[in-house]
Amino acid sequence: MFTNLIGNSQLKQLLISTANRSILVVEDIDCSLELQDRRAQQPRMMNPDLARMMNIDPYPTTQGGCGPRVVLLSKYNPVLDQVDDFTVSSCLTLLCSINGCSITTTEGIGNTRDGFHPIHERFSGFHASQCGFCTTGMCMSLFLALVNAEKTPRPEPPLGFSKLKVSEAEKAIVGNLCRCTGYRPIVDACKSFTADVDMEDLGLNSFWRKGDSKDVKLSSLPSYKRNGDV
C-alpha cells in the first residue's frame, strides 16, 4: 500500500513510505509499467517487493472501464499552493507519471490492523458488498468525494455527517461498475455520509430496525469524524 511515492528523474529508484512508517527502496524501475500491471507479477520486470506493497491483483484488466482498481492520487499544486486530490485507475497510470505524488489505496484509509474506515463499515452494514470485487474502488471514489467536499465553504454539517450532498454522493461512483448487489445498497452507504440525506430513504441495513426513531438511527451508524477520517 502506498502512502507516498517519490522517484528521481530517471525513475531508477523509488522510495515508498508505508502506513507503518517503514521505507521500501525499489531499484531499476521499468517506466512502462502501470501502478497495477499484469507484468508486475514477473520478478524480472519489477521488484517483487513493489508488487507486494501495491497489493496487486493477479489479473488486472488494464482497460479502466470497471473501476475496482481506483486509488487516490494527491499532488501539490505550486501555482495555487494547495494539494489537489483526484482518483486514477492504477491499471492505466504509468509509474513515471506519479513522480512526487502521494498514492492512497483502500488499505491506506482503513485495514484489519489499524481498524476500518467508516466507509468500509457502512458498506458492510448496508450490504453494499457481495463478491467484493468492486468494493475497493467504490470506497476510494466515495473517499475522494468526502475529501473534496471538505474543501468547500459550505456550512458545518450535523455531527456524524460530512459536507457532501446527496446528489454528489450518487455521482461519486458513476465510474465504478457492480454486477452483484445492484446499486441501491451501495448508494445508500454513500448517502449515509451526506448532510441532506433523508434517513427514511436509506434501505435495509444491519444498524437499525424498521420503525426506529431518527435519533436511534443516527446513533447506530458507525461514527464518522470529519477531521480524523478525511
Protein backbone atom coordinates (compact mmCIF):
# COMPACT_ATOMS: atom_id res chain seq x y z
CA MET A 1 0.00 0.00 0.00
CA PHE A 2 1.31 3.42 -0.93
CA THR A 3 1.09 6.47 1.26
CA ASN A 4 3.92 8.22 -0.53
CA LEU A 5 5.95 7.57 -3.64
CA ILE A 6 8.93 9.62 -4.79
CA GLY A 7 11.28 8.85 -7.65
CA ASN A 8 14.21 10.59 -9.30
CA SER A 9 14.04 11.97 -12.86
CA GLN A 10 15.14 8.69 -14.42
CA LEU A 11 12.96 6.66 -12.03
CA LYS A 12 15.90 4.39 -11.28
CA GLN A 13 14.83 4.34 -7.67
CA LEU A 14 11.52 4.64 -5.82
CA LEU A 15 11.14 5.40 -2.14
CA ILE A 16 7.91 4.06 -0.73
CA SER A 17 6.68 5.16 2.68
CA THR A 18 4.07 2.80 4.08
CA ALA A 19 1.37 3.22 6.71
CA ASN A 20 3.59 1.75 9.42
CA ARG A 21 6.28 4.33 8.55
CA SER A 22 8.68 1.76 7.12
CA ILE A 23 10.61 2.66 3.97
CA LEU A 24 11.00 0.36 0.99
CA VAL A 25 13.61 1.23 -1.63
CA VAL A 26 12.97 -0.28 -5.07
CA GLU A 27 15.71 -0.17 -7.70
CA ASP A 28 15.63 -0.24 -11.53
CA ILE A 29 12.00 0.58 -12.23
CA ASP A 30 10.58 -0.13 -15.67
CA CYS A 31 8.86 3.17 -16.55
CA SER A 32 6.49 1.43 -18.96
CA LEU A 33 4.78 -0.34 -16.05
CA GLU A 34 1.47 0.81 -14.66
CA LEU A 35 0.82 1.16 -10.94
CA GLN A 36 -1.01 -2.14 -11.19
CA ASP A 37 0.33 -4.15 -14.08
CA ARG A 38 -0.06 -7.77 -15.11
CA ARG A 39 3.65 -7.85 -15.91
CA ALA A 40 4.47 -6.69 -12.39
CA GLN A 41 3.84 -10.25 -11.24
CA GLN A 42 7.04 -11.24 -13.03
CA PRO A 43 10.11 -10.54 -10.84
CA ARG A 44 12.26 -9.96 -13.92
CA MET A 45 10.08 -6.97 -14.82
CA MET A 46 9.56 -5.44 -11.37
CA ASN A 47 10.89 -5.95 -7.90
CA PRO A 48 8.51 -8.45 -6.20
CA ASP A 49 8.50 -6.33 -3.03
CA LEU A 50 6.93 -3.49 -5.01
CA ALA A 51 4.23 -5.80 -6.32
CA ARG A 52 3.51 -6.92 -2.77
CA MET A 53 3.35 -3.35 -1.44
CA MET A 54 0.91 -2.45 -4.21
CA ASN A 55 -1.42 -5.30 -3.22
CA ILE A 56 -1.62 -6.18 -6.90
CA ASP A 57 -4.44 -8.30 -8.27
CA PRO A 58 -3.04 -11.14 -10.41
CA TYR A 59 -5.49 -10.43 -13.21
CA PRO A 60 -5.93 -6.71 -13.89
CA THR A 61 -7.99 -5.92 -16.98
CA THR A 62 -5.81 -2.93 -17.94
CA GLN A 63 -8.89 -1.38 -19.55
CA GLY A 64 -10.06 1.01 -16.84
CA GLY A 65 -13.76 0.52 -17.51
CA CYS A 66 -14.81 -1.16 -14.27
CA GLY A 67 -13.21 0.93 -11.52
CA PRO A 68 -12.17 -1.57 -8.80
CA ARG A 69 -8.52 -0.51 -9.03
CA VAL A 70 -9.20 3.14 -8.33
CA VAL A 71 -6.72 4.82 -5.98
CA LEU A 72 -6.47 8.35 -4.62
CA LEU A 73 -3.69 10.47 -6.09
CA SER A 74 -2.66 13.64 -4.26
CA LYS A 75 -0.38 16.17 -5.92
CA TYR A 76 0.93 19.53 -4.76
CA ASN A 77 -0.07 22.44 -6.99
CA PRO A 78 2.66 25.11 -6.63
CA VAL A 79 0.64 27.70 -8.56
CA LEU A 80 -2.32 27.61 -6.20
CA ASP A 81 -0.23 26.45 -3.22
CA GLN A 82 -2.59 23.59 -2.47
CA VAL A 83 -2.86 19.82 -2.70
CA ASP A 84 -5.14 18.57 -5.47
CA ASP A 85 -6.82 15.22 -4.91
CA PHE A 86 -8.31 13.02 -7.62
CA THR A 87 -8.76 9.35 -8.42
CA VAL A 88 -6.90 7.38 -11.07
CA SER A 89 -7.11 3.79 -12.28
CA SER A 90 -3.96 2.05 -11.11
CA CYS A 91 -4.12 -0.33 -14.08
CA LEU A 92 -3.79 2.60 -16.50
CA THR A 93 -1.49 5.02 -14.66
CA LEU A 94 2.19 4.83 -15.54
CA LEU A 95 4.70 4.86 -12.71
CA CYS A 96 6.65 7.65 -14.39
CA SER A 97 3.58 9.91 -14.27
CA ILE A 98 3.27 9.93 -10.48
CA ASN A 99 6.72 11.12 -9.52
CA GLY A 100 6.42 13.19 -6.35
CA CYS A 101 2.79 12.26 -5.79
CA SER A 102 1.07 10.56 -2.88
CA ILE A 103 -0.96 7.42 -3.62
CA THR A 104 -3.53 6.11 -1.16
CA THR A 105 -5.25 2.76 -1.58
CA THR A 106 -8.29 1.45 0.29
CA GLU A 107 -5.90 -0.17 2.79
CA GLY A 108 -4.46 3.29 3.40
CA ILE A 109 -7.73 4.62 4.83
CA GLY A 110 -8.53 1.54 6.90
CA ASN A 111 -7.48 -2.06 7.37
CA THR A 112 -7.60 -5.06 9.70
CA ARG A 113 -4.51 -3.92 11.62
CA ASP A 114 -5.38 -0.27 12.26
CA GLY A 115 -9.16 -0.52 12.11
CA PHE A 116 -11.60 0.03 9.28
CA HIS A 117 -12.72 3.41 7.98
CA PRO A 118 -16.41 4.32 8.46
CA ILE A 119 -16.77 3.92 4.69
CA HIS A 120 -15.81 0.26 4.97
CA GLU A 121 -18.09 -0.26 7.97
CA ARG A 122 -21.08 1.38 6.32
CA PHE A 123 -20.56 -0.52 3.08
CA SER A 124 -20.69 -3.68 5.13
CA GLY A 125 -23.68 -2.62 7.21
CA PHE A 126 -25.74 -1.58 4.21
CA HIS A 127 -24.96 -4.91 2.48
CA ALA A 128 -23.24 -2.99 -0.30
CA SER A 129 -20.64 -5.65 -1.00
CA GLN A 130 -21.28 -9.14 -2.26
CA CYS A 131 -18.36 -10.60 -4.20
CA GLY A 132 -16.23 -7.62 -3.14
CA PHE A 133 -14.54 -7.14 -6.50
CA CYS A 134 -15.80 -3.58 -6.98
CA THR A 135 -15.82 -2.57 -3.31
CA THR A 136 -12.27 -1.20 -3.09
CA GLY A 137 -12.85 1.19 -5.98
CA MET A 138 -16.28 2.21 -4.70
CA CYS A 139 -14.78 3.06 -1.31
CA MET A 140 -11.99 5.16 -2.81
CA SER A 141 -14.38 7.03 -5.12
CA LEU A 142 -16.54 7.92 -2.13
CA PHE A 143 -13.47 8.85 -0.08
CA LEU A 144 -12.42 11.34 -2.78
CA ALA A 145 -15.90 12.86 -2.75
CA LEU A 146 -15.64 13.31 1.04
CA VAL A 147 -12.16 14.84 0.77
CA ASN A 148 -13.21 17.35 -1.88
CA ALA A 149 -16.45 18.21 -0.07
CA GLU A 150 -14.45 19.23 2.98
CA LYS A 151 -12.61 21.79 0.86
CA THR A 152 -15.83 23.69 0.12
CA PRO A 153 -17.02 26.71 2.17
CA ARG A 154 -20.34 25.05 2.95
CA PRO A 155 -21.91 25.34 6.41
CA GLU A 156 -20.81 22.93 9.09
CA PRO A 157 -22.84 19.68 8.82
CA PRO A 158 -24.51 17.91 11.76
CA LEU A 159 -22.30 15.71 13.91
CA GLY A 160 -21.52 12.43 12.16
CA PHE A 161 -22.11 13.76 8.66
CA SER A 162 -19.96 15.40 6.00
CA LYS A 163 -20.34 18.43 3.76
CA LEU A 164 -21.16 16.07 0.91
CA LYS A 165 -24.59 16.41 -0.76
CA VAL A 166 -26.85 13.52 -1.73
CA SER A 167 -26.55 14.38 -5.42
CA GLU A 168 -22.74 14.34 -5.14
CA ALA A 169 -22.74 11.03 -3.30
CA GLU A 170 -24.83 9.46 -6.04
CA LYS A 171 -22.48 10.76 -8.71
CA ALA A 172 -19.32 9.77 -6.82
CA ILE A 173 -19.49 6.16 -8.03
CA VAL A 174 -20.52 6.73 -11.65
CA GLY A 175 -17.16 5.37 -12.82
CA ASN A 176 -17.48 2.13 -10.85
CA LEU A 177 -19.34 -0.95 -12.05
CA CYS A 178 -21.03 -3.57 -9.85
CA ARG A 179 -22.55 -6.79 -11.13
CA CYS A 180 -23.79 -8.29 -7.86
CA THR A 181 -25.77 -6.19 -5.42
CA GLY A 182 -27.44 -3.68 -7.64
CA TYR A 183 -26.65 -0.09 -6.82
CA ARG A 184 -29.29 0.65 -4.18
CA PRO A 185 -27.32 -0.55 -1.13
CA ILE A 186 -24.11 0.99 -2.47
CA VAL A 187 -25.80 4.35 -2.98
CA ASP A 188 -27.39 4.08 0.47
CA ALA A 189 -23.96 3.59 2.04
CA CYS A 190 -22.68 6.66 0.19
CA LYS A 191 -25.70 8.79 1.06
CA SER A 192 -25.41 7.94 4.75
CA PHE A 193 -22.49 10.41 4.92
CA THR A 194 -24.40 13.35 3.41
CA ALA A 195 -25.75 16.25 5.42
CA ASP A 196 -29.02 16.49 3.45
CA VAL A 197 -29.94 12.79 3.48
CA ASP A 198 -33.44 11.66 4.43
CA MET A 199 -32.81 8.80 6.85
CA GLU A 200 -36.12 7.23 5.86
CA ASP A 201 -34.80 6.92 2.33
CA LEU A 202 -31.97 4.60 3.36
CA GLY A 203 -32.70 0.94 2.76
CA LEU A 204 -32.16 -2.34 4.58
CA ASN A 205 -29.13 -2.40 6.86
CA SER A 206 -27.73 -4.01 9.99
CA PHE A 207 -27.53 -0.78 12.00
CA TRP A 208 -31.18 -0.24 12.96
CA ARG A 209 -34.57 -1.88 12.81
CA LYS A 210 -37.61 -0.78 10.92
CA GLY A 211 -39.55 1.76 12.92
CA ASP A 212 -36.59 3.06 14.94
CA SER A 213 -36.53 6.79 15.53
CA LYS A 214 -34.20 9.13 13.68
CA ASP A 215 -32.10 9.62 16.79
CA VAL A 216 -31.63 5.87 17.15
CA LYS A 217 -30.63 5.60 13.52
CA LEU A 218 -28.08 8.39 13.83
CA SER A 219 -26.53 6.87 16.94
CA SER A 220 -26.38 3.43 15.29
CA LEU A 221 -24.30 4.48 12.29
CA PRO A 222 -20.53 3.89 12.53
CA SER A 223 -19.02 7.12 13.80
CA TYR A 224 -17.63 9.47 11.16
CA LYS A 225 -15.27 12.21 12.32
CA ARG A 226 -14.61 14.73 9.59
CA ASN A 227 -11.21 15.85 10.87
CA GLY A 228 -9.96 12.38 11.68
CA ASP A 229 -11.41 10.26 8.87
CA VAL A 230 -10.58 12.52 5.90
